[in-house]
């Protein structure tokens, strides 16, 4: 029985080798936590562990939802691969549009407020999208500047979980 299970597993994995070998977290399968916001060289960029609620982004095929650290937001996204409309998991560019943010509460203060303001300013743009590791992506603002703002995101789930 044990040998039969191993053989069946090998056949299943061999038939779908990519899914068995690929440990990259797919964009639509995870909540992505905002860990760094890079605006200017030398600026403090790490989202502190002291932030009460971690900023996050959830991607769908054409929609996006998230939390700025202060308020929820939602909107539309489009993915491009080499200048052509692309698949969420193969894209090298992403554009956020039609973003709406809930009303900012008075008790949004400190680093949460700063992160909120940075995300509200940055997100309604186009970004180059690069996978830095199996569980990390970097969104780099698609602007004509030497030091381009970027947002580092880390997956909430581990690969193949």
N, C-alpha and C. Protein backbone atom coordinates (compact mmCIF):
# COMPACT_ATOMS: atom_id res chain seq x y z
N UNK A 1 0.82 -1.20 0.00
CA UNK A 1 0.00 0.00 0.00
C UNK A 1 0.87 1.26 0.00
N UNK A 2 1.89 1.28 0.83
CA UNK A 2 2.77 2.43 0.92
C UNK A 2 3.45 2.70 -0.42
N UNK A 3 3.91 1.63 -1.10
CA UNK A 3 4.57 1.77 -2.39
C UNK A 3 3.59 2.30 -3.44
N UNK A 4 2.34 1.87 -3.37
CA UNK A 4 1.32 2.33 -4.32
C UNK A 4 1.05 3.82 -4.14
N UNK A 5 1.01 4.29 -2.90
CA UNK A 5 0.80 5.72 -2.65
C UNK A 5 1.97 6.55 -3.17
N UNK A 6 3.19 6.07 -2.96
CA UNK A 6 4.37 6.79 -3.45
C UNK A 6 4.35 6.85 -4.98
N UNK A 7 3.99 5.75 -5.62
CA UNK A 7 3.94 5.71 -7.08
C UNK A 7 2.87 6.66 -7.60
N UNK A 8 1.69 6.65 -6.97
CA UNK A 8 0.61 7.55 -7.38
C UNK A 8 1.03 9.00 -7.21
N UNK A 9 1.71 9.30 -6.11
CA UNK A 9 2.19 10.67 -5.87
C UNK A 9 3.21 11.09 -6.91
N UNK A 10 4.12 10.17 -7.25
CA UNK A 10 5.13 10.48 -8.26
C UNK A 10 4.48 10.72 -9.61
N UNK A 11 3.48 9.91 -9.96
CA UNK A 11 2.78 10.09 -11.23
C UNK A 11 2.03 11.42 -11.26
N UNK A 12 1.36 11.76 -10.16
CA UNK A 12 0.65 13.04 -10.11
C UNK A 12 1.62 14.20 -10.24
N UNK A 13 2.71 14.11 -9.53
CA UNK A 13 3.70 15.19 -9.58
C UNK A 13 4.36 15.25 -10.94
N UNK A 14 4.65 14.09 -11.54
CA UNK A 14 5.26 14.07 -12.86
C UNK A 14 4.34 14.63 -13.91
N UNK A 15 3.04 14.42 -13.77
CA UNK A 15 2.07 14.93 -14.72
C UNK A 15 1.89 16.43 -14.61
N UNK A 16 2.19 16.97 -13.46
CA UNK A 16 2.06 18.42 -13.23
C UNK A 16 3.34 18.91 -12.57
N UNK A 17 4.45 18.67 -13.22
CA UNK A 17 5.76 18.94 -12.65
C UNK A 17 5.93 20.39 -12.20
N UNK A 18 5.37 21.32 -12.93
CA UNK A 18 5.54 22.73 -12.58
C UNK A 18 4.95 23.01 -11.21
N UNK A 19 3.74 22.51 -10.94
CA UNK A 19 3.11 22.81 -9.66
C UNK A 19 3.83 22.13 -8.52
N UNK A 20 4.48 20.98 -8.74
CA UNK A 20 5.20 20.30 -7.68
C UNK A 20 6.54 20.97 -7.40
N UNK A 21 7.18 21.50 -8.42
CA UNK A 21 8.50 22.09 -8.26
C UNK A 21 8.43 23.57 -7.94
N UNK A 22 7.37 24.25 -8.31
CA UNK A 22 7.27 25.69 -8.14
C UNK A 22 6.90 26.03 -6.70
N UNK A 23 7.80 26.75 -6.01
CA UNK A 23 7.52 27.13 -4.63
C UNK A 23 7.13 28.60 -4.51
N UNK A 24 7.01 29.29 -5.63
CA UNK A 24 6.65 30.70 -5.60
C UNK A 24 5.18 30.86 -5.20
N UNK A 25 4.93 31.74 -4.25
CA UNK A 25 3.56 32.03 -3.84
C UNK A 25 2.91 32.83 -4.97
N UNK A 26 1.78 32.38 -5.45
CA UNK A 26 1.06 33.08 -6.51
C UNK A 26 0.42 34.34 -5.94
N UNK A 27 0.41 35.40 -6.71
CA UNK A 27 -0.06 36.70 -6.22
C UNK A 27 -1.48 36.65 -5.69
N UNK A 28 -2.36 35.93 -6.37
CA UNK A 28 -3.75 35.88 -5.95
C UNK A 28 -4.05 34.92 -4.83
N UNK A 29 -3.04 34.16 -4.39
CA UNK A 29 -3.24 33.15 -3.35
C UNK A 29 -2.79 33.60 -1.97
N UNK A 30 -2.47 34.85 -1.80
CA UNK A 30 -1.93 35.31 -0.53
C UNK A 30 -2.38 36.73 -0.22
N UNK A 31 -2.37 37.03 1.05
CA UNK A 31 -2.40 38.42 1.49
C UNK A 31 -0.94 38.86 1.53
N UNK A 32 -0.65 40.01 0.93
CA UNK A 32 0.71 40.52 0.87
C UNK A 32 0.87 41.64 1.88
N UNK A 33 1.80 41.47 2.81
CA UNK A 33 2.05 42.46 3.86
C UNK A 33 3.05 43.50 3.40
N UNK A 34 2.73 44.76 3.62
CA UNK A 34 3.64 45.85 3.28
C UNK A 34 4.71 45.91 4.37
N UNK A 35 5.95 45.65 3.99
CA UNK A 35 7.04 45.65 4.98
C UNK A 35 7.95 46.85 4.85
N UNK A 36 8.02 47.43 3.66
CA UNK A 36 8.88 48.60 3.44
C UNK A 36 8.24 49.50 2.40
N UNK A 37 8.39 50.80 2.59
CA UNK A 37 8.01 51.79 1.60
C UNK A 37 9.23 52.67 1.39
N UNK A 38 9.80 52.61 0.19
CA UNK A 38 11.01 53.36 -0.14
C UNK A 38 10.61 54.60 -0.93
N UNK A 39 10.78 55.78 -0.31
CA UNK A 39 10.44 57.02 -1.00
C UNK A 39 11.68 57.75 -1.48
N UNK A 40 12.66 57.90 -0.60
CA UNK A 40 13.90 58.62 -0.91
C UNK A 40 15.08 57.85 -0.34
N UNK A 41 16.22 57.87 -1.02
CA UNK A 41 17.40 57.18 -0.48
C UNK A 41 17.74 57.72 0.91
N UNK A 42 18.06 56.81 1.82
CA UNK A 42 18.45 57.21 3.16
C UNK A 42 17.30 57.39 4.14
N UNK A 43 16.07 57.47 3.65
CA UNK A 43 14.93 57.61 4.56
C UNK A 43 14.65 56.30 5.27
N UNK A 44 14.12 56.40 6.48
CA UNK A 44 13.64 55.22 7.20
C UNK A 44 12.52 54.61 6.36
N UNK A 45 12.56 53.31 6.13
CA UNK A 45 11.60 52.72 5.21
C UNK A 45 10.87 51.50 5.75
N UNK A 46 11.27 51.00 6.89
CA UNK A 46 10.69 49.78 7.42
C UNK A 46 9.38 50.08 8.13
N UNK A 47 8.38 49.25 7.85
CA UNK A 47 7.13 49.34 8.60
C UNK A 47 7.41 48.68 9.94
N UNK A 48 7.33 49.44 10.99
CA UNK A 48 7.70 49.00 12.33
C UNK A 48 6.82 47.86 12.84
N UNK A 49 7.42 47.02 13.67
CA UNK A 49 6.66 45.97 14.35
C UNK A 49 5.65 46.56 15.33
N UNK A 50 5.81 47.83 15.65
CA UNK A 50 4.91 48.49 16.60
C UNK A 50 3.60 48.95 15.96
N UNK A 51 3.51 48.85 14.62
CA UNK A 51 2.27 49.22 13.94
C UNK A 51 1.18 48.26 14.40
N UNK A 52 0.07 48.81 14.87
CA UNK A 52 -0.99 47.98 15.44
C UNK A 52 -1.58 47.01 14.41
N UNK A 53 -1.86 47.47 13.21
CA UNK A 53 -2.42 46.62 12.17
C UNK A 53 -1.56 46.75 10.93
N UNK A 54 -0.97 45.65 10.52
CA UNK A 54 -0.05 45.63 9.37
C UNK A 54 -0.76 46.04 8.09
N UNK A 55 -0.21 46.99 7.34
CA UNK A 55 -0.76 47.30 6.02
C UNK A 55 -0.65 46.08 5.11
N UNK A 56 -1.66 45.88 4.26
CA UNK A 56 -1.68 44.69 3.43
C UNK A 56 -2.40 44.95 2.11
N UNK A 57 -2.13 44.05 1.14
CA UNK A 57 -2.78 44.14 -0.17
C UNK A 57 -3.16 42.72 -0.60
N UNK A 58 -4.39 42.57 -1.10
CA UNK A 58 -4.87 41.32 -1.67
C UNK A 58 -5.20 41.57 -3.14
N UNK A 59 -4.59 40.79 -4.03
CA UNK A 59 -4.78 40.96 -5.47
C UNK A 59 -5.77 39.94 -6.01
N UNK A 60 -6.68 40.40 -6.85
CA UNK A 60 -7.52 39.53 -7.65
C UNK A 60 -7.10 39.69 -9.10
N UNK A 61 -7.81 39.04 -10.00
CA UNK A 61 -7.44 39.14 -11.42
C UNK A 61 -7.60 40.57 -11.95
N UNK A 62 -8.63 41.28 -11.49
CA UNK A 62 -8.85 42.66 -11.94
C UNK A 62 -9.16 43.60 -10.78
N UNK A 63 -9.14 43.09 -9.57
CA UNK A 63 -9.49 43.92 -8.41
C UNK A 63 -8.40 43.82 -7.35
N UNK A 64 -8.44 44.77 -6.45
CA UNK A 64 -7.50 44.80 -5.34
C UNK A 64 -8.23 45.31 -4.11
N UNK A 65 -7.91 44.74 -2.97
CA UNK A 65 -8.39 45.23 -1.68
C UNK A 65 -7.19 45.29 -0.76
N UNK A 66 -7.33 46.05 0.29
CA UNK A 66 -6.21 46.13 1.22
C UNK A 66 -6.53 46.97 2.43
N UNK A 67 -5.48 47.21 3.19
CA UNK A 67 -5.58 48.01 4.41
C UNK A 67 -4.33 48.87 4.50
N UNK A 68 -4.50 50.16 4.70
CA UNK A 68 -3.37 51.10 4.71
C UNK A 68 -2.64 51.17 6.05
N UNK A 69 -3.17 50.49 7.05
CA UNK A 69 -2.67 50.65 8.41
C UNK A 69 -3.68 51.46 9.21
N UNK A 70 -4.55 52.19 8.49
CA UNK A 70 -5.61 52.99 9.11
C UNK A 70 -6.99 52.64 8.57
N UNK A 71 -7.10 52.44 7.27
CA UNK A 71 -8.41 52.20 6.67
C UNK A 71 -8.33 51.16 5.55
N UNK A 72 -9.46 50.48 5.30
CA UNK A 72 -9.52 49.58 4.14
C UNK A 72 -9.58 50.38 2.84
N UNK A 73 -9.16 49.75 1.75
CA UNK A 73 -9.31 50.34 0.43
C UNK A 73 -9.65 49.25 -0.57
N UNK A 74 -10.14 49.69 -1.72
CA UNK A 74 -10.44 48.77 -2.81
C UNK A 74 -10.27 49.50 -4.13
N UNK A 75 -10.15 48.73 -5.19
CA UNK A 75 -9.99 49.35 -6.49
C UNK A 75 -9.80 48.32 -7.58
N UNK A 76 -9.29 48.77 -8.70
CA UNK A 76 -9.07 47.93 -9.87
C UNK A 76 -7.56 47.81 -10.10
N UNK A 77 -7.16 46.69 -10.69
CA UNK A 77 -5.78 46.50 -11.11
C UNK A 77 -5.76 45.89 -12.49
N UNK A 78 -4.73 46.19 -13.22
CA UNK A 78 -4.49 45.50 -14.49
C UNK A 78 -3.04 45.05 -14.49
N UNK A 79 -2.83 43.89 -15.07
CA UNK A 79 -1.51 43.29 -15.11
C UNK A 79 -1.04 43.23 -16.55
N UNK A 80 0.23 43.58 -16.79
CA UNK A 80 0.82 43.54 -18.12
C UNK A 80 2.09 42.71 -18.08
N UNK A 81 2.35 42.03 -19.18
CA UNK A 81 3.55 41.23 -19.34
C UNK A 81 4.18 41.60 -20.68
N UNK A 82 5.29 42.30 -20.63
CA UNK A 82 5.96 42.72 -21.86
C UNK A 82 5.12 43.66 -22.70
N UNK A 83 4.32 44.50 -22.06
CA UNK A 83 3.50 45.47 -22.78
C UNK A 83 2.15 44.95 -23.23
N UNK A 84 1.89 43.67 -23.01
CA UNK A 84 0.60 43.07 -23.36
C UNK A 84 -0.18 42.76 -22.09
N UNK A 85 -1.51 42.82 -22.20
CA UNK A 85 -2.33 42.46 -21.05
C UNK A 85 -1.88 41.09 -20.57
N UNK A 86 -1.57 40.97 -19.28
CA UNK A 86 -0.98 39.73 -18.79
C UNK A 86 -1.77 39.06 -17.69
N UNK A 87 -1.33 37.90 -17.36
CA UNK A 87 -1.89 37.09 -16.28
C UNK A 87 -1.32 37.60 -14.96
N UNK A 88 -2.12 37.51 -13.92
CA UNK A 88 -1.72 37.98 -12.59
C UNK A 88 -0.41 37.36 -12.13
N UNK A 89 -0.15 36.10 -12.47
CA UNK A 89 1.03 35.41 -11.98
C UNK A 89 2.24 35.49 -12.90
N UNK A 90 2.10 36.13 -14.05
CA UNK A 90 3.23 36.26 -14.98
C UNK A 90 3.56 37.72 -15.30
N UNK A 91 2.86 38.63 -14.69
CA UNK A 91 2.99 40.04 -15.03
C UNK A 91 4.33 40.62 -14.60
N UNK A 92 4.79 41.62 -15.36
CA UNK A 92 5.96 42.38 -14.96
C UNK A 92 5.61 43.84 -14.68
N UNK A 93 4.35 44.20 -14.89
CA UNK A 93 3.83 45.54 -14.57
C UNK A 93 2.42 45.41 -13.99
N UNK A 94 2.09 46.34 -13.10
CA UNK A 94 0.76 46.38 -12.51
C UNK A 94 0.34 47.84 -12.43
N UNK A 95 -0.94 48.10 -12.74
CA UNK A 95 -1.49 49.45 -12.64
C UNK A 95 -2.69 49.43 -11.72
N UNK A 96 -2.67 50.30 -10.73
CA UNK A 96 -3.79 50.47 -9.80
C UNK A 96 -4.67 51.61 -10.31
N UNK A 97 -5.98 51.45 -10.25
CA UNK A 97 -6.89 52.53 -10.67
C UNK A 97 -8.18 52.45 -9.86
N UNK A 98 -8.97 53.50 -9.96
CA UNK A 98 -10.27 53.58 -9.30
C UNK A 98 -10.19 53.20 -7.82
N UNK A 99 -9.13 53.62 -7.15
CA UNK A 99 -8.97 53.30 -5.74
C UNK A 99 -9.87 54.17 -4.88
N UNK A 100 -10.52 53.54 -3.94
CA UNK A 100 -11.31 54.27 -2.94
C UNK A 100 -10.83 53.84 -1.56
N UNK A 101 -10.63 54.82 -0.71
CA UNK A 101 -10.17 54.60 0.65
C UNK A 101 -11.28 55.02 1.60
N UNK A 102 -11.53 54.21 2.64
CA UNK A 102 -12.51 54.60 3.64
C UNK A 102 -12.08 55.90 4.31
N UNK A 103 -13.03 56.56 4.96
CA UNK A 103 -12.74 57.82 5.63
C UNK A 103 -11.73 57.61 6.76
N UNK A 104 -10.76 58.48 6.82
CA UNK A 104 -9.68 58.37 7.79
C UNK A 104 -10.19 58.72 9.19
N UNK A 105 -10.05 57.81 10.15
CA UNK A 105 -10.51 58.11 11.52
C UNK A 105 -9.55 59.06 12.23
N UNK A 106 -10.07 59.76 13.22
CA UNK A 106 -9.25 60.72 13.97
C UNK A 106 -8.14 60.04 14.75
N UNK A 107 -8.33 58.78 15.11
CA UNK A 107 -7.33 58.09 15.92
C UNK A 107 -6.21 57.44 15.09
N UNK A 108 -6.15 57.74 13.81
CA UNK A 108 -5.05 57.26 12.97
C UNK A 108 -3.90 58.23 13.13
N UNK A 109 -2.91 57.83 13.93
CA UNK A 109 -1.81 58.71 14.29
C UNK A 109 -0.46 58.00 14.13
N UNK A 110 0.60 58.73 14.28
CA UNK A 110 1.94 58.15 14.32
C UNK A 110 2.33 57.48 13.02
N UNK A 111 3.06 56.35 13.16
CA UNK A 111 3.56 55.66 11.97
C UNK A 111 2.42 55.13 11.11
N UNK A 112 1.31 54.70 11.73
CA UNK A 112 0.17 54.25 10.93
C UNK A 112 -0.29 55.34 9.98
N UNK A 113 -0.34 56.57 10.47
CA UNK A 113 -0.77 57.70 9.65
C UNK A 113 0.22 57.98 8.52
N UNK A 114 1.51 57.93 8.83
CA UNK A 114 2.53 58.17 7.81
C UNK A 114 2.47 57.10 6.72
N UNK A 115 2.32 55.85 7.11
CA UNK A 115 2.23 54.76 6.13
C UNK A 115 0.97 54.92 5.29
N UNK A 116 -0.14 55.25 5.94
CA UNK A 116 -1.40 55.49 5.23
C UNK A 116 -1.20 56.56 4.16
N UNK A 117 -0.62 57.70 4.55
CA UNK A 117 -0.41 58.80 3.60
C UNK A 117 0.50 58.39 2.45
N UNK A 118 1.55 57.61 2.75
CA UNK A 118 2.45 57.14 1.69
C UNK A 118 1.71 56.24 0.70
N UNK A 119 0.93 55.29 1.21
CA UNK A 119 0.22 54.37 0.34
C UNK A 119 -0.85 55.08 -0.49
N UNK A 120 -1.57 56.03 0.12
CA UNK A 120 -2.58 56.78 -0.62
C UNK A 120 -1.92 57.57 -1.75
N UNK A 121 -0.73 58.10 -1.50
CA UNK A 121 -0.03 58.87 -2.53
C UNK A 121 0.57 57.98 -3.62
N UNK A 122 1.09 56.82 -3.25
CA UNK A 122 1.80 55.97 -4.20
C UNK A 122 0.91 55.05 -5.03
N UNK A 123 -0.10 54.46 -4.41
CA UNK A 123 -0.82 53.37 -5.08
C UNK A 123 -1.54 53.74 -6.38
N UNK A 124 -2.12 54.90 -6.52
CA UNK A 124 -2.80 55.15 -7.81
C UNK A 124 -1.81 55.39 -8.95
N UNK A 125 -0.95 54.42 -9.21
CA UNK A 125 0.07 54.55 -10.24
C UNK A 125 0.31 53.21 -10.90
N UNK A 126 1.24 53.22 -11.85
CA UNK A 126 1.73 51.99 -12.48
C UNK A 126 3.06 51.64 -11.82
N UNK A 127 3.31 50.33 -11.72
CA UNK A 127 4.53 49.84 -11.08
C UNK A 127 5.14 48.72 -11.90
N UNK A 128 6.47 48.66 -11.87
CA UNK A 128 7.16 47.46 -12.33
C UNK A 128 7.01 46.46 -11.20
N UNK A 129 6.75 45.22 -11.55
CA UNK A 129 6.53 44.18 -10.56
C UNK A 129 7.64 43.16 -10.69
N UNK A 130 8.38 42.93 -9.61
CA UNK A 130 9.45 41.93 -9.66
C UNK A 130 9.34 41.02 -8.44
N UNK A 131 9.53 39.74 -8.69
CA UNK A 131 9.55 38.74 -7.62
C UNK A 131 10.98 38.65 -7.12
N UNK A 132 11.20 39.08 -5.89
CA UNK A 132 12.54 39.09 -5.30
C UNK A 132 12.91 37.73 -4.70
N UNK A 133 11.89 36.97 -4.31
CA UNK A 133 12.07 35.61 -3.80
C UNK A 133 10.73 34.90 -3.96
N UNK A 134 10.64 33.68 -3.48
CA UNK A 134 9.39 32.92 -3.59
C UNK A 134 8.24 33.58 -2.85
N UNK A 135 8.55 34.40 -1.84
CA UNK A 135 7.51 34.99 -1.00
C UNK A 135 7.59 36.51 -0.92
N UNK A 136 8.33 37.13 -1.81
CA UNK A 136 8.52 38.58 -1.75
C UNK A 136 8.39 39.20 -3.14
N UNK A 137 7.63 40.31 -3.20
CA UNK A 137 7.55 41.07 -4.44
C UNK A 137 7.90 42.53 -4.16
N UNK A 138 8.39 43.19 -5.19
CA UNK A 138 8.72 44.61 -5.09
C UNK A 138 7.97 45.34 -6.19
N UNK A 139 7.21 46.34 -5.79
CA UNK A 139 6.51 47.21 -6.73
C UNK A 139 7.32 48.50 -6.83
N UNK A 140 7.90 48.76 -8.00
CA UNK A 140 8.71 49.95 -8.21
C UNK A 140 7.96 50.91 -9.12
N UNK A 141 7.75 52.11 -8.63
CA UNK A 141 6.98 53.10 -9.37
C UNK A 141 7.52 53.27 -10.78
N UNK A 142 6.62 53.22 -11.74
CA UNK A 142 6.99 53.31 -13.16
C UNK A 142 7.02 54.78 -13.59
N UNK A 143 7.95 55.53 -13.01
CA UNK A 143 8.11 56.95 -13.31
C UNK A 143 9.52 57.19 -13.83
N UNK A 144 9.71 58.30 -14.50
CA UNK A 144 11.01 58.63 -15.05
C UNK A 144 11.79 59.41 -14.00
N UNK A 145 12.46 58.67 -13.12
CA UNK A 145 13.25 59.29 -12.06
C UNK A 145 14.40 58.36 -11.70
N UNK A 146 15.47 58.92 -11.20
CA UNK A 146 16.62 58.13 -10.82
C UNK A 146 16.29 57.23 -9.62
N UNK A 147 15.76 57.83 -8.57
CA UNK A 147 15.39 57.09 -7.37
C UNK A 147 13.87 56.96 -7.34
N UNK A 148 13.39 55.82 -7.81
CA UNK A 148 11.94 55.63 -7.93
C UNK A 148 11.37 55.02 -6.65
N UNK A 149 10.26 55.56 -6.17
CA UNK A 149 9.62 55.00 -4.99
C UNK A 149 9.22 53.54 -5.23
N UNK A 150 9.23 52.75 -4.16
CA UNK A 150 8.82 51.36 -4.28
C UNK A 150 8.21 50.86 -2.98
N UNK A 151 7.50 49.75 -3.12
CA UNK A 151 6.82 49.12 -1.99
C UNK A 151 7.23 47.66 -1.97
N UNK A 152 7.74 47.22 -0.84
CA UNK A 152 8.13 45.82 -0.67
C UNK A 152 6.99 45.08 0.03
N UNK A 153 6.61 43.93 -0.54
CA UNK A 153 5.52 43.11 0.01
C UNK A 153 6.02 41.70 0.27
N UNK A 154 5.59 41.13 1.38
CA UNK A 154 5.96 39.76 1.71
C UNK A 154 4.68 38.97 1.92
N UNK A 155 4.68 37.75 1.39
CA UNK A 155 3.50 36.90 1.46
C UNK A 155 3.17 36.49 2.89
N UNK A 156 1.88 36.45 3.18
CA UNK A 156 1.39 36.01 4.47
C UNK A 156 1.45 34.49 4.57
N UNK A 157 1.40 33.81 3.45
CA UNK A 157 1.43 32.33 3.46
C UNK A 157 2.78 31.86 2.94
N UNK A 158 3.17 30.67 3.34
CA UNK A 158 4.42 30.11 2.85
C UNK A 158 4.17 29.33 1.58
N UNK A 159 5.19 29.13 0.75
CA UNK A 159 4.99 28.40 -0.50
C UNK A 159 4.43 27.01 -0.24
N UNK A 160 3.55 26.59 -1.16
CA UNK A 160 2.94 25.26 -1.12
C UNK A 160 2.19 24.96 0.18
N UNK A 161 1.67 26.00 0.84
CA UNK A 161 0.91 25.72 2.05
C UNK A 161 -0.55 25.54 1.75
